[in-house]
Amino acid sequence: MTATTRTQQREETRRVLLAQSRRLFAAKGYAAVGLSEIVSASGVTKGALYHHFDSKAELFKAVLTQVQEEVGAQVAAAADAEPDPWAQLTTGCAAFLRASADPLVQRIMLIDGPAVLGWHEWRAMDEANSERHLHEALAALVDAGILPQQPVAPLTQLLSGAMNEAALWLATTTDPGALADTIAALDRLLAGLRAA
């Protein structure tokens, strides 16, 4: 067996472990999924799992990172499709809420993420992924005079917190119009921030 083949097999094993773990964590929640179930669904041994991940929590963190990156890519793609900086912000924020409304994303990113990793580590991951993009978008709007001159860091925290809370609420509500109502409320909130 060549080194390239071994590398490809390791990458494939890691990919399968992440895919099966993600499926199970999303369907059942972190606490209800055991390592035996993960290795059985993945068709690998516990040794293979431990070769890639030191613990179930580390495996979950890798799944969460994957989910956050995918949501970030969806948000960026939606925002980048808009030529106007203000539309980029509003479209990106709406895209975040839409992506977060997916039950498979909610469970991993919003419900189990903070519980499994702890609030501080989850916040650091959120900041590294979505919050940084929000900060950059807000800073560009302030620089362009679309938003009044102000410190961008607290504004970023306020909007990020509001959107995360809205996403958590969407995860628990049974109102079929909740997503559309939340996006409309966010649009009104954002419109109130614009420079006169």
C-alpha atoms as a PDB file:
ATOM      1  CA  MET A   1       0.000   0.000   0.000  1.00  0.00           C
ATOM      2  CA  THR A   2       1.405   3.358  -0.981  1.00  0.00           C
ATOM      3  CA  ALA A   3       1.584   6.405   1.256  1.00  0.00           C
ATOM      4  CA  THR A   4      -0.932   8.130  -1.005  1.00  0.00           C
ATOM      5  CA  THR A   5      -3.407   5.254  -0.651  1.00  0.00           C
ATOM      6  CA  ARG A   6      -3.043   5.267   3.163  1.00  0.00           C
ATOM      7  CA  THR A   7      -3.589   9.026   3.232  1.00  0.00           C
ATOM      8  CA  GLN A   8      -6.679   8.674   1.064  1.00  0.00           C
ATOM      9  CA  GLN A   9      -8.021   5.908   3.329  1.00  0.00           C
ATOM     10  CA  ARG A  10      -7.450   8.043   6.438  1.00  0.00           C
ATOM     11  CA  GLU A  11      -9.200  10.999   4.811  1.00  0.00           C
ATOM     12  CA  GLU A  12     -12.109   8.784   3.764  1.00  0.00           C
ATOM     13  CA  THR A  13     -12.405   7.325   7.284  1.00  0.00           C
ATOM     14  CA  ARG A  14     -12.448  10.825   8.769  1.00  0.00           C
ATOM     15  CA  ARG A  15     -15.040  11.960   6.207  1.00  0.00           C
ATOM     16  CA  VAL A  16     -17.303   8.981   6.978  1.00  0.00           C
ATOM     17  CA  LEU A  17     -16.939   9.488  10.746  1.00  0.00           C
ATOM     18  CA  LEU A  18     -17.886  13.152  10.402  1.00  0.00           C
ATOM     19  CA  ALA A  19     -20.832  12.421   8.099  1.00  0.00           C
ATOM     20  CA  GLN A  20     -22.276   9.648  10.275  1.00  0.00           C
ATOM     21  CA  SER A  21     -21.668  11.546  13.508  1.00  0.00           C
ATOM     22  CA  ARG A  22     -23.324  14.624  12.070  1.00  0.00           C
ATOM     23  CA  ARG A  23     -26.342  12.609  10.984  1.00  0.00           C
ATOM     24  CA  LEU A  24     -26.670  10.967  14.399  1.00  0.00           C
ATOM     25  CA  PHE A  25     -26.028  14.140  16.436  1.00  0.00           C
ATOM     26  CA  ALA A  26     -28.597  16.048  14.366  1.00  0.00           C
ATOM     27  CA  ALA A  27     -31.218  13.322  14.658  1.00  0.00           C
ATOM     28  CA  LYS A  28     -30.795  12.328  18.303  1.00  0.00           C
ATOM     29  CA  GLY A  29     -28.716  14.979  20.006  1.00  0.00           C
ATOM     30  CA  TYR A  30     -25.204  14.667  21.377  1.00  0.00           C
ATOM     31  CA  ALA A  31     -26.154  13.060  24.696  1.00  0.00           C
ATOM     32  CA  ALA A  32     -28.186  10.272  23.096  1.00  0.00           C
ATOM     33  CA  VAL A  33     -25.441   9.121  20.713  1.00  0.00           C
ATOM     34  CA  GLY A  34     -22.760   6.710  21.893  1.00  0.00           C
ATOM     35  CA  LEU A  35     -19.400   6.016  20.329  1.00  0.00           C
ATOM     36  CA  SER A  36     -20.463   2.419  19.612  1.00  0.00           C
ATOM     37  CA  GLU A  37     -23.337   3.715  17.502  1.00  0.00           C
ATOM     38  CA  ILE A  38     -21.017   6.077  15.625  1.00  0.00           C
ATOM     39  CA  VAL A  39     -18.437   3.417  14.775  1.00  0.00           C
ATOM     40  CA  SER A  40     -21.155   0.943  13.807  1.00  0.00           C
ATOM     41  CA  ALA A  41     -22.835   3.456  11.478  1.00  0.00           C
ATOM     42  CA  SER A  42     -19.428   4.411  10.057  1.00  0.00           C
ATOM     43  CA  GLY A  43     -18.279   0.834   9.516  1.00  0.00           C
ATOM     44  CA  VAL A  44     -15.016   1.415  11.400  1.00  0.00           C
ATOM     45  CA  THR A  45     -13.487   0.308  14.688  1.00  0.00           C
ATOM     46  CA  LYS A  46     -13.233   2.373  17.853  1.00  0.00           C
ATOM     47  CA  GLY A  47      -9.483   2.360  17.253  1.00  0.00           C
ATOM     48  CA  ALA A  48     -10.023   4.083  13.905  1.00  0.00           C
ATOM     49  CA  LEU A  49     -12.243   6.666  15.569  1.00  0.00           C
ATOM     50  CA  TYR A  50      -9.655   7.325  18.272  1.00  0.00           C
ATOM     51  CA  HIS A  51      -6.966   7.633  15.605  1.00  0.00           C
ATOM     52  CA  HIS A  52      -8.807  10.721  14.337  1.00  0.00           C
ATOM     53  CA  PHE A  53     -10.504  12.068  17.476  1.00  0.00           C
ATOM     54  CA  ASP A  54      -9.465  11.858  21.131  1.00  0.00           C
ATOM     55  CA  SER A  55     -13.041  11.896  22.405  1.00  0.00           C
ATOM     56  CA  LYS A  56     -16.678  12.158  21.479  1.00  0.00           C
ATOM     57  CA  ALA A  57     -16.532  15.856  22.407  1.00  0.00           C
ATOM     58  CA  GLU A  58     -13.635  16.420  19.985  1.00  0.00           C
ATOM     59  CA  LEU A  59     -15.579  14.618  17.243  1.00  0.00           C
ATOM     60  CA  PHE A  60     -18.602  16.806  18.000  1.00  0.00           C
ATOM     61  CA  LYS A  61     -16.425  19.939  17.820  1.00  0.00           C
ATOM     62  CA  ALA A  62     -15.240  18.867  14.345  1.00  0.00           C
ATOM     63  CA  VAL A  63     -18.872  18.352  13.268  1.00  0.00           C
ATOM     64  CA  LEU A  64     -19.843  21.753  14.710  1.00  0.00           C
ATOM     65  CA  THR A  65     -16.955  23.411  12.869  1.00  0.00           C
ATOM     66  CA  GLN A  66     -18.154  21.815   9.628  1.00  0.00           C
ATOM     67  CA  VAL A  67     -21.725  23.037  10.222  1.00  0.00           C
ATOM     68  CA  GLN A  68     -20.580  26.567  11.100  1.00  0.00           C
ATOM     69  CA  GLU A  69     -18.393  26.735   8.000  1.00  0.00           C
ATOM     70  CA  GLU A  70     -21.280  25.595   5.789  1.00  0.00           C
ATOM     71  CA  VAL A  71     -23.659  28.158   7.313  1.00  0.00           C
ATOM     72  CA  GLY A  72     -20.972  30.829   6.907  1.00  0.00           C
ATOM     73  CA  ALA A  73     -20.529  29.880   3.252  1.00  0.00           C
ATOM     74  CA  GLN A  74     -24.302  30.077   2.652  1.00  0.00           C
ATOM     75  CA  VAL A  75     -24.458  33.505   4.289  1.00  0.00           C
ATOM     76  CA  ALA A  76     -21.432  34.782   2.354  1.00  0.00           C
ATOM     77  CA  ALA A  77     -22.790  33.481  -0.963  1.00  0.00           C
ATOM     78  CA  ALA A  78     -26.157  35.164  -0.386  1.00  0.00           C
ATOM     79  CA  ALA A  79     -24.556  38.442   0.676  1.00  0.00           C
ATOM     80  CA  ASP A  80     -21.968  38.436  -2.117  1.00  0.00           C
ATOM     81  CA  ALA A  81     -24.729  38.054  -4.708  1.00  0.00           C
ATOM     82  CA  GLU A  82     -25.937  41.553  -3.806  1.00  0.00           C
ATOM     83  CA  PRO A  83     -24.132  44.530  -5.390  1.00  0.00           C
ATOM     84  CA  ASP A  84     -25.298  47.048  -2.757  1.00  0.00           C
ATOM     85  CA  PRO A  85     -23.503  47.010   0.653  1.00  0.00           C
ATOM     86  CA  TRP A  86     -26.759  47.528   2.591  1.00  0.00           C
ATOM     87  CA  ALA A  87     -28.458  44.687   0.706  1.00  0.00           C
ATOM     88  CA  GLN A  88     -25.408  42.522   1.430  1.00  0.00           C
ATOM     89  CA  LEU A  89     -25.952  43.033   5.170  1.00  0.00           C
ATOM     90  CA  THR A  90     -29.706  42.455   5.172  1.00  0.00           C
ATOM     91  CA  THR A  91     -29.503  39.505   2.786  1.00  0.00           C
ATOM     92  CA  GLY A  92     -26.659  37.944   4.773  1.00  0.00           C
ATOM     93  CA  CYS A  93     -28.553  38.315   8.047  1.00  0.00           C
ATOM     94  CA  ALA A  94     -31.686  36.766   6.519  1.00  0.00           C
ATOM     95  CA  ALA A  95     -29.586  33.934   5.065  1.00  0.00           C
ATOM     96  CA  PHE A  96     -28.199  33.229   8.544  1.00  0.00           C
ATOM     97  CA  LEU A  97     -31.704  32.945   9.981  1.00  0.00           C
ATOM     98  CA  ARG A  98     -32.839  30.712   7.108  1.00  0.00           C
ATOM     99  CA  ALA A  99     -29.818  28.415   7.497  1.00  0.00           C
ATOM    100  CA  SER A 100     -30.251  28.345  11.271  1.00  0.00           C
ATOM    101  CA  ALA A 101     -33.914  27.370  10.873  1.00  0.00           C
ATOM    102  CA  ASP A 102     -32.844  23.996   9.485  1.00  0.00           C
ATOM    103  CA  PRO A 103     -33.489  21.534  12.353  1.00  0.00           C
ATOM    104  CA  LEU A 104     -30.298  19.635  11.508  1.00  0.00           C
ATOM    105  CA  VAL A 105     -28.300  22.844  11.939  1.00  0.00           C
ATOM    106  CA  GLN A 106     -30.205  24.017  15.014  1.00  0.00           C
ATOM    107  CA  ARG A 107     -29.531  20.922  17.050  1.00  0.00           C
ATOM    108  CA  ILE A 108     -25.782  20.890  16.413  1.00  0.00           C
ATOM    109  CA  MET A 109     -24.969  24.595  16.169  1.00  0.00           C
ATOM    110  CA  LEU A 110     -27.387  26.239  18.563  1.00  0.00           C
ATOM    111  CA  ILE A 111     -28.623  23.673  21.074  1.00  0.00           C
ATOM    112  CA  ASP A 112     -25.867  21.110  21.638  1.00  0.00           C
ATOM    113  CA  GLY A 113     -22.934  23.358  20.660  1.00  0.00           C
ATOM    114  CA  PRO A 114     -22.969  25.589  23.765  1.00  0.00           C
ATOM    115  CA  ALA A 115     -24.011  22.693  26.024  1.00  0.00           C
ATOM    116  CA  VAL A 116     -21.281  20.301  24.898  1.00  0.00           C
ATOM    117  CA  LEU A 117     -18.371  22.698  24.443  1.00  0.00           C
ATOM    118  CA  GLY A 118     -19.280  25.258  27.060  1.00  0.00           C
ATOM    119  CA  TRP A 119     -20.383  28.812  26.448  1.00  0.00           C
ATOM    120  CA  HIS A 120     -16.887  30.334  26.130  1.00  0.00           C
ATOM    121  CA  GLU A 121     -15.560  27.833  23.601  1.00  0.00           C
ATOM    122  CA  TRP A 122     -18.796  27.939  21.596  1.00  0.00           C
ATOM    123  CA  ARG A 123     -18.682  31.770  21.542  1.00  0.00           C
ATOM    124  CA  ALA A 124     -15.056  31.707  20.400  1.00  0.00           C
ATOM    125  CA  MET A 125     -15.983  29.389  17.515  1.00  0.00           C
ATOM    126  CA  ASP A 126     -19.001  31.547  16.614  1.00  0.00           C
ATOM    127  CA  GLU A 127     -16.818  34.645  16.694  1.00  0.00           C
ATOM    128  CA  ALA A 128     -14.193  33.041  14.474  1.00  0.00           C
ATOM    129  CA  ASN A 129     -16.815  32.043  11.925  1.00  0.00           C
ATOM    130  CA  SER A 130     -19.867  34.261  11.526  1.00  0.00           C
ATOM    131  CA  GLU A 131     -19.214  37.183  13.846  1.00  0.00           C
ATOM    132  CA  ARG A 132     -16.049  38.222  12.020  1.00  0.00           C
ATOM    133  CA  HIS A 133     -17.974  38.579   8.737  1.00  0.00           C
ATOM    134  CA  LEU A 134     -20.724  40.578  10.427  1.00  0.00           C
ATOM    135  CA  HIS A 135     -18.123  42.905  11.959  1.00  0.00           C
ATOM    136  CA  GLU A 136     -16.480  43.458   8.561  1.00  0.00           C
ATOM    137  CA  ALA A 137     -19.846  44.215   6.912  1.00  0.00           C
ATOM    138  CA  LEU A 138     -20.828  46.684   9.629  1.00  0.00           C
ATOM    139  CA  ALA A 139     -17.424  48.393   9.540  1.00  0.00           C
ATOM    140  CA  ALA A 140     -17.736  48.857   5.777  1.00  0.00           C
ATOM    141  CA  LEU A 141     -21.205  50.392   6.212  1.00  0.00           C
ATOM    142  CA  VAL A 142     -19.910  52.791   8.872  1.00  0.00           C
ATOM    143  CA  ASP A 143     -16.951  53.743   6.665  1.00  0.00           C
ATOM    144  CA  ALA A 144     -19.331  54.380   3.740  1.00  0.00           C
ATOM    145  CA  GLY A 145     -21.573  56.583   5.889  1.00  0.00           C
ATOM    146  CA  ILE A 146     -24.543  54.227   5.485  1.00  0.00           C
ATOM    147  CA  LEU A 147     -24.453  53.641   9.240  1.00  0.00           C
ATOM    148  CA  PRO A 148     -23.633  56.516  11.602  1.00  0.00           C
ATOM    149  CA  GLN A 149     -20.082  56.695  12.997  1.00  0.00           C
ATOM    150  CA  GLN A 150     -19.934  54.429  16.049  1.00  0.00           C
ATOM    151  CA  PRO A 151     -17.836  51.688  17.622  1.00  0.00           C
ATOM    152  CA  VAL A 152     -18.475  48.585  15.528  1.00  0.00           C
ATOM    153  CA  ALA A 153     -17.551  45.940  18.131  1.00  0.00           C
ATOM    154  CA  PRO A 154     -20.563  46.500  20.436  1.00  0.00           C
ATOM    155  CA  LEU A 155     -22.913  46.778  17.459  1.00  0.00           C
ATOM    156  CA  THR A 156     -21.587  43.471  16.151  1.00  0.00           C
ATOM    157  CA  GLN A 157     -22.173  41.823  19.531  1.00  0.00           C
ATOM    158  CA  LEU A 158     -25.723  43.199  19.756  1.00  0.00           C
ATOM    159  CA  LEU A 159     -26.735  42.055  16.265  1.00  0.00           C
ATOM    160  CA  SER A 160     -25.007  38.695  16.581  1.00  0.00           C
ATOM    161  CA  GLY A 161     -26.678  38.081  19.928  1.00  0.00           C
ATOM    162  CA  ALA A 162     -30.076  39.111  18.566  1.00  0.00           C
ATOM    163  CA  MET A 163     -29.755  36.793  15.580  1.00  0.00           C
ATOM    164  CA  ASN A 164     -28.524  33.868  17.689  1.00  0.00           C
ATOM    165  CA  GLU A 165     -31.433  34.343  20.109  1.00  0.00           C
ATOM    166  CA  ALA A 166     -33.873  34.581  17.214  1.00  0.00           C
ATOM    167  CA  ALA A 167     -32.431  31.383  15.750  1.00  0.00           C
ATOM    168  CA  LEU A 168     -32.812  29.621  19.116  1.00  0.00           C
ATOM    169  CA  TRP A 169     -36.407  30.809  19.342  1.00  0.00           C
ATOM    170  CA  LEU A 170     -37.070  29.564  15.807  1.00  0.00           C
ATOM    171  CA  ALA A 171     -35.763  26.164  16.927  1.00  0.00           C
ATOM    172  CA  THR A 172     -38.537  25.886  19.520  1.00  0.00           C
ATOM    173  CA  THR A 173     -41.545  27.602  17.997  1.00  0.00           C
ATOM    174  CA  THR A 174     -44.249  25.765  16.096  1.00  0.00           C
ATOM    175  CA  ASP A 175     -45.531  28.906  14.345  1.00  0.00           C
ATOM    176  CA  PRO A 176     -45.283  28.255  10.580  1.00  0.00           C
ATOM    177  CA  GLY A 177     -44.857  31.974   9.878  1.00  0.00           C
ATOM    178  CA  ALA A 178     -42.139  32.489  12.472  1.00  0.00           C
ATOM    179  CA  LEU A 179     -39.189  32.585  10.063  1.00  0.00           C
ATOM    180  CA  ALA A 180     -40.801  35.150   7.748  1.00  0.00           C
ATOM    181  CA  ASP A 181     -41.920  37.234  10.742  1.00  0.00           C
ATOM    182  CA  THR A 182     -38.440  37.089  12.271  1.00  0.00           C
ATOM    183  CA  ILE A 183     -36.757  38.182   9.039  1.00  0.00           C
ATOM    184  CA  ALA A 184     -39.253  41.056   8.709  1.00  0.00           C
ATOM    185  CA  ALA A 185     -38.578  42.123  12.318  1.00  0.00           C
ATOM    186  CA  LEU A 186     -34.831  41.960  11.694  1.00  0.00           C
ATOM    187  CA  ASP A 187     -35.210  44.108   8.568  1.00  0.00           C
ATOM    188  CA  ARG A 188     -37.070  46.734  10.638  1.00  0.00           C
ATOM    189  CA  LEU A 189     -34.398  46.579  13.342  1.00  0.00           C
ATOM    190  CA  LEU A 190     -31.603  47.007  10.803  1.00  0.00           C
ATOM    191  CA  ALA A 191     -33.432  49.837   9.020  1.00  0.00           C
ATOM    192  CA  GLY A 192     -33.510  51.721  12.322  1.00  0.00           C
ATOM    193  CA  LEU A 193     -29.720  51.707  12.412  1.00  0.00           C
ATOM    194  CA  ARG A 194     -29.228  53.527   9.113  1.00  0.00           C
ATOM    195  CA  ALA A 195     -27.887  57.067   9.002  1.00  0.00           C
ATOM    196  CA  ALA A 196     -30.547  59.689   8.383  1.00  0.00           C
END
